[in-house]
Protein backbone atom coordinates (compact mmCIF):
# COMPACT_ATOMS: atom_id res chain seq x y z
CA MET A 1 -7.67 -1.44 -27.58
CA ASN A 2 -10.74 -4.32 -27.64
CA VAL A 3 -13.32 -4.38 -25.20
CA TYR A 4 -14.62 -7.83 -24.59
CA GLU A 5 -16.66 -7.59 -21.50
CA ILE A 6 -17.54 -5.65 -18.02
CA ASP A 7 -18.18 -7.04 -14.92
CA THR A 8 -18.36 -6.14 -11.17
CA ASP A 9 -15.45 -7.38 -8.50
CA GLU A 10 -18.39 -7.43 -5.49
CA VAL A 11 -15.27 -8.03 -3.22
CA ILE A 12 -13.68 -4.55 -3.42
CA ASN A 13 -16.42 -3.35 -5.09
CA ALA A 14 -14.52 -2.21 -8.45
CA ILE A 15 -15.52 -2.27 -12.49
CA VAL A 16 -13.05 -4.99 -14.16
CA VAL A 17 -12.80 -4.78 -17.87
CA ASN A 18 -11.39 -7.38 -20.01
CA GLY A 19 -9.67 -6.68 -23.50
CA SER A 20 -7.00 -6.93 -24.97
CA ILE A 21 -4.36 -4.77 -26.52
CA THR A 22 -1.53 -5.49 -29.45
CA TYR A 23 2.35 -6.60 -27.94
CA LYS A 24 3.48 -3.05 -29.52
CA ASP A 25 0.85 -1.17 -27.07
CA ALA A 26 1.71 -2.81 -24.27
CA ILE A 27 5.35 -2.10 -24.93
CA ASP A 28 4.74 1.48 -25.34
CA LYS A 29 2.15 2.02 -22.88
CA LEU A 30 2.69 -0.42 -19.68
CA VAL A 31 6.13 -1.20 -20.18
CA PRO A 32 6.39 2.37 -18.67
CA LEU A 33 4.64 1.70 -16.15
CA ILE A 34 7.04 -0.32 -14.47
CA ASN A 35 9.81 1.59 -15.28
CA LYS A 36 8.39 4.69 -13.08
CA THR A 37 8.71 2.96 -10.15
CA GLU A 38 11.82 3.50 -7.84
CA PHE A 39 13.12 -0.32 -8.21
CA GLN A 40 12.22 -3.51 -10.24
CA ARG A 41 12.15 -6.68 -9.14
CA LYS A 42 15.09 -9.02 -9.73
CA LEU A 43 14.56 -12.09 -11.67
CA GLN A 44 13.74 -14.63 -9.36
CA ASP A 45 13.98 -17.76 -11.60
CA LYS A 46 16.00 -17.04 -14.64
CA LYS A 47 15.60 -19.84 -16.28
CA PHE A 48 11.70 -19.65 -15.85
CA TYR A 49 12.09 -16.31 -17.94
CA GLU A 50 14.44 -16.99 -20.50
CA LYS A 51 11.43 -20.32 -21.73
CA LEU A 52 9.12 -17.11 -21.07
CA GLU A 53 10.84 -15.21 -23.73
CA ARG A 54 11.26 -18.43 -25.91
CA ASP A 55 7.83 -18.89 -25.80
CA ILE A 56 6.82 -15.46 -26.25
CA VAL A 57 8.57 -15.59 -29.48
CA ASP A 58 7.62 -18.78 -30.31
CA GLY A 59 3.99 -17.28 -30.35
CA CYS A 60 2.63 -18.47 -26.73
CA ILE A 61 -0.48 -17.03 -25.65
CA MET A 62 0.39 -14.99 -22.35
CA PRO A 63 -1.91 -15.01 -19.17
CA PRO A 64 -3.31 -11.70 -18.87
CA ILE A 65 -2.18 -8.39 -17.09
CA THR A 66 -3.98 -6.81 -14.66
CA ILE A 67 -3.91 -2.98 -15.00
CA ALA A 68 -5.90 -0.58 -11.74
CA PHE A 69 -7.14 2.80 -12.12
CA VAL A 70 -8.39 4.82 -9.29
CA ASP A 71 -11.43 6.18 -10.82
CA THR A 72 -14.80 5.67 -10.41
CA SER A 73 -16.04 7.15 -13.94
CA ILE A 74 -16.28 4.01 -15.49
CA LYS A 75 -19.58 2.13 -14.16
CA SER A 76 -20.92 -1.40 -15.52
CA ASN A 77 -23.22 0.51 -17.92
CA SER A 78 -20.13 2.06 -19.54
CA LYS A 79 -20.33 2.05 -23.77
CA LYS A 80 -17.28 0.10 -24.34
CA GLU A 81 -16.08 2.79 -26.83
CA ASP A 82 -15.52 5.24 -23.58
CA ILE A 83 -13.65 2.51 -21.93
CA ASP A 84 -11.83 2.23 -24.91
CA LYS A 85 -11.17 5.81 -25.19
CA TYR A 86 -10.10 6.53 -21.50
CA PHE A 87 -7.77 3.78 -21.56
CA GLU A 88 -6.54 5.74 -24.44
CA ASN A 89 -6.32 8.99 -22.86
CA ASN A 90 -5.20 7.73 -18.81
CA TYR A 91 -2.87 4.67 -19.13
CA ALA A 92 -0.45 6.63 -17.83
CA LYS A 93 -1.90 6.87 -14.99
CA SER A 94 -2.77 3.54 -13.98
CA PHE A 95 0.06 1.20 -12.52
CA VAL A 96 0.27 -2.84 -12.78
CA LEU A 97 -1.61 -4.95 -10.19
CA ASP A 98 -0.37 -8.00 -11.70
CA GLY A 99 2.12 -9.05 -14.93
CA ILE A 100 5.08 -6.71 -13.56
CA GLN A 101 7.63 -9.99 -14.89
CA ARG A 102 5.66 -10.38 -17.89
CA LEU A 103 5.93 -7.09 -19.34
CA ASN A 104 9.80 -6.91 -18.35
CA THR A 105 10.08 -9.81 -20.22
CA LEU A 106 7.69 -8.74 -23.49
CA SER A 107 10.33 -5.63 -23.30
CA ARG A 108 13.16 -7.47 -23.60
CA VAL A 109 12.49 -9.82 -26.53
CA LYS A 110 10.80 -6.47 -28.49
CA ASN A 111 13.86 -6.72 -31.15
CA SER A 112 13.43 -10.00 -32.25
CA ASN A 113 13.05 -10.51 -35.70
CA LYS A 114 10.82 -13.43 -35.09
CA ILE A 115 8.30 -11.90 -33.21
CA SER A 116 5.22 -10.25 -34.03
CA LEU A 117 4.13 -7.12 -32.21
CA ASN A 118 0.74 -7.05 -33.91
CA ARG A 119 -0.44 -10.19 -31.15
CA LYS A 120 -2.59 -9.59 -28.51
CA LEU A 121 -1.95 -9.21 -24.85
CA TYR A 122 -4.76 -9.67 -22.62
CA LEU A 123 -5.72 -7.13 -19.97
CA ASN A 124 -7.84 -7.07 -17.09
CA ILE A 125 -8.33 -3.27 -15.95
CA VAL A 126 -9.54 -2.36 -12.79
CA PHE A 127 -11.41 0.62 -11.60
CA SER A 128 -11.32 1.11 -8.01
CA ASP A 129 -12.74 4.07 -5.56
CA SER A 130 -9.85 3.12 -2.90
CA VAL A 131 -6.24 2.29 -3.03
CA ASP A 132 -6.75 -0.02 -0.23
CA LYS A 133 -8.79 -1.86 -2.22
CA LEU A 134 -6.85 -2.40 -4.88
CA LEU A 135 -3.56 -3.32 -2.74
CA TYR A 136 -6.01 -6.09 -1.03
CA ARG A 137 -6.71 -7.03 -4.79
CA MET A 138 -2.91 -6.97 -5.87
CA ILE A 139 -2.09 -8.79 -2.47
CA THR A 140 -4.68 -11.89 -2.95
CA LEU A 141 -3.42 -11.95 -7.15
CA ASN A 142 0.35 -12.22 -6.42
CA ASN A 143 -0.42 -14.38 -2.74
CA GLY A 144 1.38 -17.56 -3.26
CA GLN A 145 3.71 -16.53 -6.05
CA LYS A 146 7.68 -15.92 -4.32
CA PRO A 147 9.26 -13.24 -5.86
CA MET A 148 6.73 -10.54 -4.54
CA THR A 149 6.41 -10.22 -0.67
CA PRO A 150 3.34 -7.92 1.28
CA ARG A 151 6.03 -5.56 1.54
CA HIS A 152 7.29 -4.84 -2.18
CA GLN A 153 3.68 -4.50 -3.27
CA VAL A 154 3.05 -2.08 -0.76
CA GLU A 155 6.22 -0.36 -2.06
CA VAL A 156 4.65 -0.83 -5.52
CA MET A 157 1.56 1.02 -4.35
CA MET A 158 2.58 3.94 -2.60
CA ALA A 159 5.45 4.54 -5.29
CA ASN A 160 2.63 4.22 -8.23
CA VAL A 161 -0.23 6.57 -6.12
CA PHE A 162 1.26 8.88 -3.22
CA ASP A 163 3.00 11.90 -4.26
CA PHE A 164 5.20 12.87 -0.91
CA ASN A 165 6.54 15.92 -2.51
CA GLU A 166 3.01 17.33 -3.28
CA LEU A 167 2.04 16.78 0.29
CA GLY A 168 4.73 18.15 1.49
CA ILE A 169 6.20 15.05 3.50
CA ALA A 170 9.76 14.11 3.64
CA VAL A 171 10.74 10.65 2.84
CA GLN A 172 14.05 8.57 2.88
CA THR A 173 15.02 5.24 1.82
CA GLU A 174 17.14 3.28 4.23
CA LYS A 175 20.15 4.02 1.58
CA GLU A 176 19.45 7.83 1.27
CA ARG A 177 19.08 7.63 5.14
CA ALA A 178 23.25 6.18 4.92
CA VAL A 179 24.21 8.93 3.18
CA LYS A 180 22.94 11.54 4.98
CA ILE A 181 19.59 12.02 6.97
CA LYS A 182 17.53 15.05 6.62
CA MET A 183 16.05 15.73 9.73
CA ASN A 184 12.66 16.17 9.20
CA SER A 185 12.28 13.22 6.71
CA PHE A 186 9.83 9.92 7.44
CA ASN A 187 12.10 6.89 7.18
CA LYS A 188 10.13 5.22 4.22
CA SER A 189 10.60 1.43 5.32
CA ASP A 190 8.66 2.97 8.58
CA LEU A 191 5.77 3.96 6.26
CA VAL A 192 5.60 0.78 4.78
CA GLN A 193 5.43 -1.00 7.54
CA ALA A 194 2.76 1.20 8.85
CA TYR A 195 0.46 0.73 5.27
CA LEU A 196 1.11 -3.39 5.75
CA ALA A 197 -0.79 -2.99 9.36
CA TYR A 198 -3.12 -0.84 8.41
CA MET A 199 -4.31 -3.19 5.69
CA ALA A 200 -3.64 -6.06 8.25
CA ASN A 201 -5.72 -4.23 10.83
CA SER A 202 -2.92 -5.22 13.30
CA PRO A 203 0.07 -2.93 14.65
CA MET A 204 2.24 -6.57 14.73
CA VAL A 205 2.82 -7.06 11.21
CA ASP A 206 6.71 -7.49 12.14
CA ASN A 207 8.76 -10.29 14.67
CA LYS A 208 12.10 -11.05 14.97
CA LYS A 209 11.87 -14.17 15.86
CA ILE A 210 10.09 -15.68 12.72
CA ILE A 211 12.00 -15.98 9.61
CA GLN A 212 10.87 -13.71 7.13
CA ASP A 213 9.08 -16.13 4.72
CA LYS A 214 6.76 -17.24 7.37
CA MET A 215 5.98 -13.92 8.53
CA ASP A 216 5.43 -12.75 5.23
CA GLU A 217 2.92 -15.19 4.95
CA LEU A 218 0.93 -14.36 8.22
CA ILE A 219 0.97 -10.84 6.77
CA VAL A 220 -0.35 -11.80 4.13
CA ASN A 221 -3.13 -13.94 5.53
CA LYS A 222 -3.89 -11.21 8.17
CA ILE A 223 -4.61 -8.88 5.04
CA VAL A 224 -6.87 -11.30 3.31
CA SER A 225 -8.73 -11.89 6.61
CA ALA A 226 -9.22 -8.27 7.09
CA GLU A 227 -10.48 -7.72 3.99
CA PRO A 228 -11.76 -4.58 2.24
CA THR A 229 -13.97 -2.12 3.75
CA ASP A 230 -16.63 0.67 2.78
CA ASN A 231 -16.20 3.21 6.11
CA ASP A 232 -14.61 5.88 5.77
CA GLY A 233 -11.31 5.76 6.83
CA SER A 234 -8.64 4.57 3.82
CA PHE A 235 -4.63 5.04 4.38
CA GLU A 236 -4.75 8.18 2.13
CA ASN A 237 -6.18 9.43 5.45
CA VAL A 238 -3.43 8.55 7.28
CA ILE A 239 -0.72 10.26 4.89
CA LYS A 240 -2.76 13.42 4.80
CA ALA A 241 -2.87 13.25 8.90
CA LEU A 242 0.52 13.08 9.04
CA ALA A 243 0.93 16.04 6.43
CA LYS A 244 -1.32 18.28 8.70
CA PHE A 245 -0.05 17.45 11.62
CA GLN A 246 3.65 17.41 11.37
CA LYS A 247 3.60 21.22 10.88
CA SER A 248 4.08 20.54 14.89
CA THR A 249 7.54 19.74 15.69
CA THR A 250 6.48 18.02 18.69
CA ALA A 251 4.07 15.92 16.89
CA LEU A 252 6.50 15.18 13.83
CA LYS A 253 9.16 13.94 16.33
CA TRP A 254 6.43 11.46 17.66
CA LEU A 255 4.75 10.08 14.16
CA LYS A 256 8.20 9.50 12.91
CA GLN A 257 9.20 6.72 15.78
CA ALA A 258 8.61 3.89 14.17
CA ASN A 259 6.12 2.63 17.14
CA ASN A 260 3.98 5.78 17.26
CA LEU A 261 3.49 6.11 13.32
CA VAL A 262 2.47 2.28 12.86
CA GLY A 263 -0.12 2.11 15.62
CA PHE A 264 -1.31 5.65 14.62
CA ALA A 265 -1.76 4.40 11.80
CA VAL A 266 -4.09 1.26 12.30
CA GLY A 267 -5.79 3.22 15.25
CA MET A 268 -7.27 5.50 12.82
CA LYS A 269 -8.38 2.98 10.46
CA SER A 270 -11.38 3.31 12.98
CA SER A 271 -11.35 6.56 13.94
CA SER A 272 -10.27 8.87 10.92
CA LYS A 273 -12.87 11.10 10.92
CA ILE A 274 -12.25 12.40 14.41
CA ILE A 275 -8.76 12.62 14.10
CA ASN A 276 -8.69 14.17 10.61
CA GLN A 277 -11.01 16.99 12.71
CA LEU A 278 -8.11 17.44 14.99
CA SER A 279 -6.07 20.69 14.68
CA VAL A 280 -2.58 20.48 15.19
CA ASP A 281 -2.69 21.87 18.66
CA GLU A 282 -5.62 19.28 19.67
CA PHE A 283 -3.55 16.41 17.81
CA GLU A 284 -0.24 17.83 20.31
CA ASN A 285 -1.69 17.65 23.27
CA SER A 286 -3.15 14.41 22.84
CA ILE A 287 -0.03 12.75 22.08
CA LYS A 288 1.24 15.03 25.15
CA THR A 289 -1.07 13.10 27.08
CA PHE A 290 -0.26 10.10 25.64
CA ASP A 291 3.47 10.20 26.11
CA ARG A 292 2.81 11.44 29.88
CA ALA A 293 0.41 8.49 30.70
CA PHE A 294 2.92 6.33 28.95
CA SER A 295 6.45 7.36 31.01
CA ASP A 296 4.43 5.39 34.31
CA PHE A 297 5.28 2.10 32.82
CA ASN A 298 8.65 0.31 34.16
CA PRO A 299 10.89 -0.21 31.66
CA SER A 300 11.91 -3.01 33.23
CA LYS A 301 9.06 -5.02 33.30
CA ILE A 302 7.72 -4.59 30.15
CA LYS A 303 9.01 -4.51 26.13
CA MET A 304 8.72 -0.97 25.62
CA GLY A 305 8.71 -0.75 21.84
CA LYS A 306 6.07 -3.54 21.73
CA LEU A 307 3.86 -1.73 24.54
CA ARG A 308 4.04 1.66 22.51
CA ARG A 309 3.02 0.14 19.37
CA GLU A 310 -0.02 -1.60 21.04
CA LEU A 311 -1.36 1.14 23.65
CA SER A 312 -0.83 3.73 20.66
CA TYR A 313 -2.91 1.51 18.38
CA ASP A 314 -5.70 0.97 21.08
CA PHE A 315 -5.57 4.90 22.28
CA PHE A 316 -5.81 6.27 18.76
CA LYS A 317 -8.91 2.98 17.49
CA ASN A 318 -10.78 4.34 20.71
CA PHE A 319 -10.30 8.03 20.58
CA SER A 320 -13.47 9.66 20.82
CA LYS A 321 -14.00 7.86 24.13
CA LEU A 322 -10.11 8.40 25.70
CA LYS A 323 -9.53 11.74 23.98
CA ASP A 324 -10.89 13.45 27.05
CA PHE A 325 -8.69 11.71 29.45
CA ASP A 326 -6.11 12.84 31.33
CA SER A 327 -3.12 11.54 31.90
CA LEU A 328 -3.90 10.31 35.07
CA GLU A 329 -7.04 8.48 33.47
CA LEU A 330 -5.21 7.36 30.72
CA LEU A 331 -2.58 5.13 33.08
CA GLU A 332 -5.46 3.53 34.79
CA TYR A 333 -7.13 2.55 31.44
CA PHE A 334 -4.15 1.20 30.10
CA SER A 335 -3.03 -0.47 33.05
CA ASP A 336 -6.59 -2.13 32.91
CA LEU A 337 -5.68 -3.01 29.14
CA THR A 338 -1.98 -4.76 30.14
CA ASN A 339 -3.28 -6.61 33.02
CA ASP A 340 -5.64 -8.60 31.52
C-alpha cells in the first residue's frame, strides 16, 4: 500500500488516510469485504456499469474507494510505514463505506487479458472511534445516489459491525421468519428501523402515506441535520442493553415490539449512562410502570402505535426525571404531553 497523506475529518473526529493499492490487492483484499455481508446490491443501471467495465479495461482511473476501521490506534502523527503495516494486518476487519459497485465491477473484469492488475486503485481510509459517526459519513457519501437507501446503508453497517450471535441476541430476517419464527428473536427490520431512528434522533422514520423515495430523502435530511455527537451514547449501547435486558421474559417481549424498540433506542441516545446502570429487574419494573400508564389511554381516540413510539421515546429520553414516577404520575405527565 502507498500512503500519500494523513488528515483529520473534524466533523466526525476521525483520521483519514489517502493512499493507493493495486487492482490485484483490491480484488484479493477488498472484494471479500463486500462478499462477506449478507446481501449484495443489485445493479441499478446495467448500462452504466457495463460502460465502467470497459473503461477499467481501457485504463481509466476510478474515483477513490472509501473503507473504514472502528479503531483509534492510527493518529494524525502516525508514520506512513505504520499505517501500511496496520492495513496489511487488519484489512479484513475493515468495511466499505463507498465504492461497493466499483469493486464489484472491478471483480467482474479481473480475468480480462486486457487489464493490468498492477494499476493503482486510490483509497480513502477512515479511522474512527464510533460506528455511528461512520454511518453518518457513509450516508453523506451516498446521499443523492439512487442505488443505496438509508435503510440499506444501516443494514451494511449492522452486518459488518455487530456480532449478534456473540452477544446472545437472536435476529431473524423477514424471509427467515416466513419459514419459521424463533420465539425469542428480534425482527431484523425492526433493529434497522431502530438504528435509523437513533441516527435521525427521531422516533418517526416511517410513514406509509409518503412514497418511499421521498421518505428516504426525509430520513437522510434528519440524519444529516442531527450530525454526529461526542456524547457517551452510541447505538452499540442500545445493542448491549438489549443483550442485557432480554434476560427478562417480560422485557424481551416488550422490546421485540417495534414501536417500543424504536422509542427505547432513540430515547437511550440521551440517557444511555443511567439506563445501562439499571439491573434487569429495575428495567422490567420501569416498563411495567410505563405500560400501566399507557393502558389508560383511550384506544378509540388515538393512534396507539404512533403514541406508544412517541411516549416510550420521551420516557427513556427523560428517564432520570421519570424513573421514580408511579403509573398515575406518569399518566399525568403523558397526558400533559398529548394535550399540547
